Amino acid sequence: MIDLAKQFNSPPEMYPFFDFFRRVISSPGDFKELLQCYAQKQGYNLEYAHSAFPRDIDPAEEAVFEDSIRFLVAYGINNDHEVIVPYDLVYEYLRQFTVLYLNDHPHDETEITHLLEAVKKALLT
C-alpha cells in the first residue's frame, strides 16, 4: 500500500490527513464517493477514519475550523489522531491524489475530472 505521508514529505501533524487519503485512494468506489461528498461539502466516513466539514459537527465547534475539513483516524482504543486542514490545501492535495488514482484507473478520467471540478467549485468559490 502506498505511503502518502512519506511520498509527500508530510510533517507528522499531517499524518491523519495522509493516512485517511491512503485508505480512500486504495478503493476506487471510495475515491469517487468522497469526491461526490466533498462537492456537496459533506464529510466522508471509512472504518476507523473520517473527515468532517464544519456543518457536520456541533455548532459550538464550527468556528474552530471554518473553511477547513477535520480528518480523524483511529489507531486503536483511545488513540485517535486528528488534523484540521484548510480547503485550499485539501484541494491542492486532492489534485495530486487524483493523478495517483488515475495512474491505476485511467478509464475513470472523465468522471474524476468532472468530480474534481465540482469539488473545486464547492471549496474554493
C-alpha atoms as a PDB file:
ATOM      1  CA  MET A   1       0.000   0.000   0.000  1.00  0.00           C
ATOM      2  CA  ILE A   2       1.263   3.451  -0.858  1.00  0.00           C
ATOM      3  CA  ASP A   3       2.630   5.626   1.969  1.00  0.00           C
ATOM      4  CA  LEU A   4       1.336   9.069   1.015  1.00  0.00           C
ATOM      5  CA  ALA A   5       2.858  10.782   4.051  1.00  0.00           C
ATOM      6  CA  LYS A   6       6.303   9.600   3.022  1.00  0.00           C
ATOM      7  CA  GLN A   7       5.735  10.283  -0.679  1.00  0.00           C
ATOM      8  CA  PHE A   8       4.679  13.887   0.024  1.00  0.00           C
ATOM      9  CA  ASN A   9       7.269  14.536   2.768  1.00  0.00           C
ATOM     10  CA  SER A  10       4.496  15.169   5.253  1.00  0.00           C
ATOM     11  CA  PRO A  11       5.179  16.692   8.654  1.00  0.00           C
ATOM     12  CA  PRO A  12       3.982  14.387  11.480  1.00  0.00           C
ATOM     13  CA  GLU A  13       0.972  16.556  12.327  1.00  0.00           C
ATOM     14  CA  MET A  14      -0.437  15.851   8.832  1.00  0.00           C
ATOM     15  CA  TYR A  15      -0.270  12.040   9.143  1.00  0.00           C
ATOM     16  CA  PRO A  16      -4.013  11.625   9.839  1.00  0.00           C
ATOM     17  CA  PHE A  17      -4.794  13.503   6.614  1.00  0.00           C
ATOM     18  CA  PHE A  18      -2.453  11.382   4.502  1.00  0.00           C
ATOM     19  CA  ASP A  19      -3.478   8.139   6.205  1.00  0.00           C
ATOM     20  CA  PHE A  20      -7.139   8.967   5.559  1.00  0.00           C
ATOM     21  CA  PHE A  21      -6.454   9.509   1.855  1.00  0.00           C
ATOM     22  CA  ARG A  22      -4.228   6.435   1.629  1.00  0.00           C
ATOM     23  CA  ARG A  23      -7.275   4.424   2.669  1.00  0.00           C
ATOM     24  CA  VAL A  24      -9.595   6.265   0.263  1.00  0.00           C
ATOM     25  CA  ILE A  25      -7.335   6.017  -2.782  1.00  0.00           C
ATOM     26  CA  SER A  26      -6.902   2.282  -2.307  1.00  0.00           C
ATOM     27  CA  SER A  27     -10.601   1.792  -3.124  1.00  0.00           C
ATOM     28  CA  PRO A  28     -11.967   3.107  -6.449  1.00  0.00           C
ATOM     29  CA  GLY A  29     -15.505   3.352  -5.109  1.00  0.00           C
ATOM     30  CA  ASP A  30     -14.402   5.262  -2.019  1.00  0.00           C
ATOM     31  CA  PHE A  31     -12.445   7.833  -4.015  1.00  0.00           C
ATOM     32  CA  LYS A  32     -15.394   8.596  -6.287  1.00  0.00           C
ATOM     33  CA  GLU A  33     -17.820   8.759  -3.362  1.00  0.00           C
ATOM     34  CA  LEU A  34     -15.515  11.055  -1.437  1.00  0.00           C
ATOM     35  CA  LEU A  35     -15.317  13.483  -4.360  1.00  0.00           C
ATOM     36  CA  GLN A  36     -19.114  13.422  -4.651  1.00  0.00           C
ATOM     37  CA  CYS A  37     -19.460  14.184  -0.922  1.00  0.00           C
ATOM     38  CA  TYR A  38     -16.862  16.951  -0.965  1.00  0.00           C
ATOM     39  CA  ALA A  39     -18.606  18.567  -3.934  1.00  0.00           C
ATOM     40  CA  GLN A  40     -21.602  18.899  -1.574  1.00  0.00           C
ATOM     41  CA  LYS A  41     -19.412  19.933   1.402  1.00  0.00           C
ATOM     42  CA  GLN A  42     -20.240  16.708   3.200  1.00  0.00           C
ATOM     43  CA  GLY A  43     -17.775  14.654   5.174  1.00  0.00           C
ATOM     44  CA  TYR A  44     -16.812  11.090   4.346  1.00  0.00           C
ATOM     45  CA  ASN A  45     -16.537   8.089   6.648  1.00  0.00           C
ATOM     46  CA  LEU A  46     -14.468   4.945   6.450  1.00  0.00           C
ATOM     47  CA  GLU A  47     -13.926   2.287   9.044  1.00  0.00           C
ATOM     48  CA  TYR A  48     -11.752   3.910  11.741  1.00  0.00           C
ATOM     49  CA  ALA A  49     -11.346   7.154   9.793  1.00  0.00           C
ATOM     50  CA  HIS A  50     -13.500  10.096   8.825  1.00  0.00           C
ATOM     51  CA  SER A  51     -13.490  13.621   7.531  1.00  0.00           C
ATOM     52  CA  ALA A  52     -15.934  16.296   8.621  1.00  0.00           C
ATOM     53  CA  PHE A  53     -16.917  19.719   7.361  1.00  0.00           C
ATOM     54  CA  PRO A  54     -17.888  22.418   9.859  1.00  0.00           C
ATOM     55  CA  ARG A  55     -21.610  21.830   9.312  1.00  0.00           C
ATOM     56  CA  ASP A  56     -21.153  18.103  10.049  1.00  0.00           C
ATOM     57  CA  ILE A  57     -20.349  18.739  13.706  1.00  0.00           C
ATOM     58  CA  ASP A  58     -21.549  20.523  16.798  1.00  0.00           C
ATOM     59  CA  PRO A  59     -22.294  24.200  16.026  1.00  0.00           C
ATOM     60  CA  ALA A  60     -20.148  25.198  19.015  1.00  0.00           C
ATOM     61  CA  GLU A  61     -17.092  23.728  17.271  1.00  0.00           C
ATOM     62  CA  GLU A  62     -17.946  25.153  13.862  1.00  0.00           C
ATOM     63  CA  ALA A  63     -15.832  28.303  14.259  1.00  0.00           C
ATOM     64  CA  VAL A  64     -12.789  26.211  15.181  1.00  0.00           C
ATOM     65  CA  PHE A  65     -12.346  25.004  11.630  1.00  0.00           C
ATOM     66  CA  GLU A  66     -14.338  27.283   9.396  1.00  0.00           C
ATOM     67  CA  ASP A  67     -13.241  26.849   5.752  1.00  0.00           C
ATOM     68  CA  SER A  68     -11.402  23.663   6.725  1.00  0.00           C
ATOM     69  CA  ILE A  69     -12.001  19.932   6.973  1.00  0.00           C
ATOM     70  CA  ARG A  70     -11.236  17.858  10.059  1.00  0.00           C
ATOM     71  CA  PHE A  71      -9.616  14.475   9.439  1.00  0.00           C
ATOM     72  CA  LEU A  72      -9.633  11.888  12.207  1.00  0.00           C
ATOM     73  CA  VAL A  73      -8.076   8.429  12.162  1.00  0.00           C
ATOM     74  CA  ALA A  74      -8.422   5.913  14.997  1.00  0.00           C
ATOM     75  CA  TYR A  75      -5.402   3.719  15.597  1.00  0.00           C
ATOM     76  CA  GLY A  76      -6.901   1.809  18.494  1.00  0.00           C
ATOM     77  CA  ILE A  77      -8.773   2.417  21.710  1.00  0.00           C
ATOM     78  CA  ASN A  78      -8.177   5.973  22.927  1.00  0.00           C
ATOM     79  CA  ASN A  79      -5.634   6.534  20.177  1.00  0.00           C
ATOM     80  CA  ASP A  80      -7.349   8.939  17.781  1.00  0.00           C
ATOM     81  CA  HIS A  81      -5.336  11.422  15.760  1.00  0.00           C
ATOM     82  CA  GLU A  82      -6.830  14.404  14.021  1.00  0.00           C
ATOM     83  CA  VAL A  83      -5.784  17.355  11.949  1.00  0.00           C
ATOM     84  CA  ILE A  84      -7.717  20.306  10.570  1.00  0.00           C
ATOM     85  CA  VAL A  85      -6.763  21.231   7.009  1.00  0.00           C
ATOM     86  CA  PRO A  86      -7.863  24.388   5.131  1.00  0.00           C
ATOM     87  CA  TYR A  87      -9.950  23.915   1.989  1.00  0.00           C
ATOM     88  CA  ASP A  88      -7.266  25.273  -0.334  1.00  0.00           C
ATOM     89  CA  LEU A  89      -4.671  22.788   0.928  1.00  0.00           C
ATOM     90  CA  VAL A  90      -7.170  19.910   0.778  1.00  0.00           C
ATOM     91  CA  TYR A  91      -7.935  20.780  -2.822  1.00  0.00           C
ATOM     92  CA  GLU A  92      -4.270  21.097  -3.764  1.00  0.00           C
ATOM     93  CA  TYR A  93      -3.547  17.622  -2.397  1.00  0.00           C
ATOM     94  CA  LEU A  94      -6.737  16.227  -3.956  1.00  0.00           C
ATOM     95  CA  ARG A  95      -5.402  17.291  -7.348  1.00  0.00           C
ATOM     96  CA  GLN A  96      -2.201  15.371  -6.669  1.00  0.00           C
ATOM     97  CA  PHE A  97      -4.034  12.334  -5.259  1.00  0.00           C
ATOM     98  CA  THR A  98      -6.190  12.326  -8.387  1.00  0.00           C
ATOM     99  CA  VAL A  99      -3.080  11.879 -10.515  1.00  0.00           C
ATOM    100  CA  LEU A 100      -2.084   8.879  -8.394  1.00  0.00           C
ATOM    101  CA  TYR A 101      -5.586   7.448  -8.592  1.00  0.00           C
ATOM    102  CA  LEU A 102      -5.802   7.882 -12.369  1.00  0.00           C
ATOM    103  CA  ASN A 103      -2.457   6.108 -12.838  1.00  0.00           C
ATOM    104  CA  ASP A 104      -4.249   2.957 -11.648  1.00  0.00           C
ATOM    105  CA  HIS A 105      -7.711   3.789 -13.037  1.00  0.00           C
ATOM    106  CA  PRO A 106      -7.263   5.676 -16.318  1.00  0.00           C
ATOM    107  CA  HIS A 107     -10.743   4.633 -17.506  1.00  0.00           C
ATOM    108  CA  ASP A 108     -12.213   6.898 -14.772  1.00  0.00           C
ATOM    109  CA  GLU A 109     -10.521  10.063 -16.046  1.00  0.00           C
ATOM    110  CA  THR A 110     -13.593  11.854 -17.417  1.00  0.00           C
ATOM    111  CA  GLU A 111     -15.737  11.166 -14.357  1.00  0.00           C
ATOM    112  CA  ILE A 112     -12.993  12.020 -11.880  1.00  0.00           C
ATOM    113  CA  THR A 113     -12.109  15.234 -13.727  1.00  0.00           C
ATOM    114  CA  HIS A 114     -15.747  16.397 -13.539  1.00  0.00           C
ATOM    115  CA  LEU A 115     -15.979  15.477  -9.855  1.00  0.00           C
ATOM    116  CA  LEU A 116     -12.732  17.272  -9.033  1.00  0.00           C
ATOM    117  CA  GLU A 117     -14.021  20.392 -10.801  1.00  0.00           C
ATOM    118  CA  ALA A 118     -17.192  20.218  -8.680  1.00  0.00           C
ATOM    119  CA  VAL A 119     -15.066  19.928  -5.527  1.00  0.00           C
ATOM    120  CA  LYS A 120     -13.013  22.945  -6.593  1.00  0.00           C
ATOM    121  CA  LYS A 121     -16.175  24.966  -7.089  1.00  0.00           C
ATOM    122  CA  ALA A 122     -17.529  23.912  -3.678  1.00  0.00           C
ATOM    123  CA  LEU A 123     -14.344  24.532  -1.719  1.00  0.00           C
ATOM    124  CA  LEU A 124     -12.722  27.490  -3.419  1.00  0.00           C
ATOM    125  CA  THR A 125     -15.540  29.750  -4.591  1.00  0.00           C
END
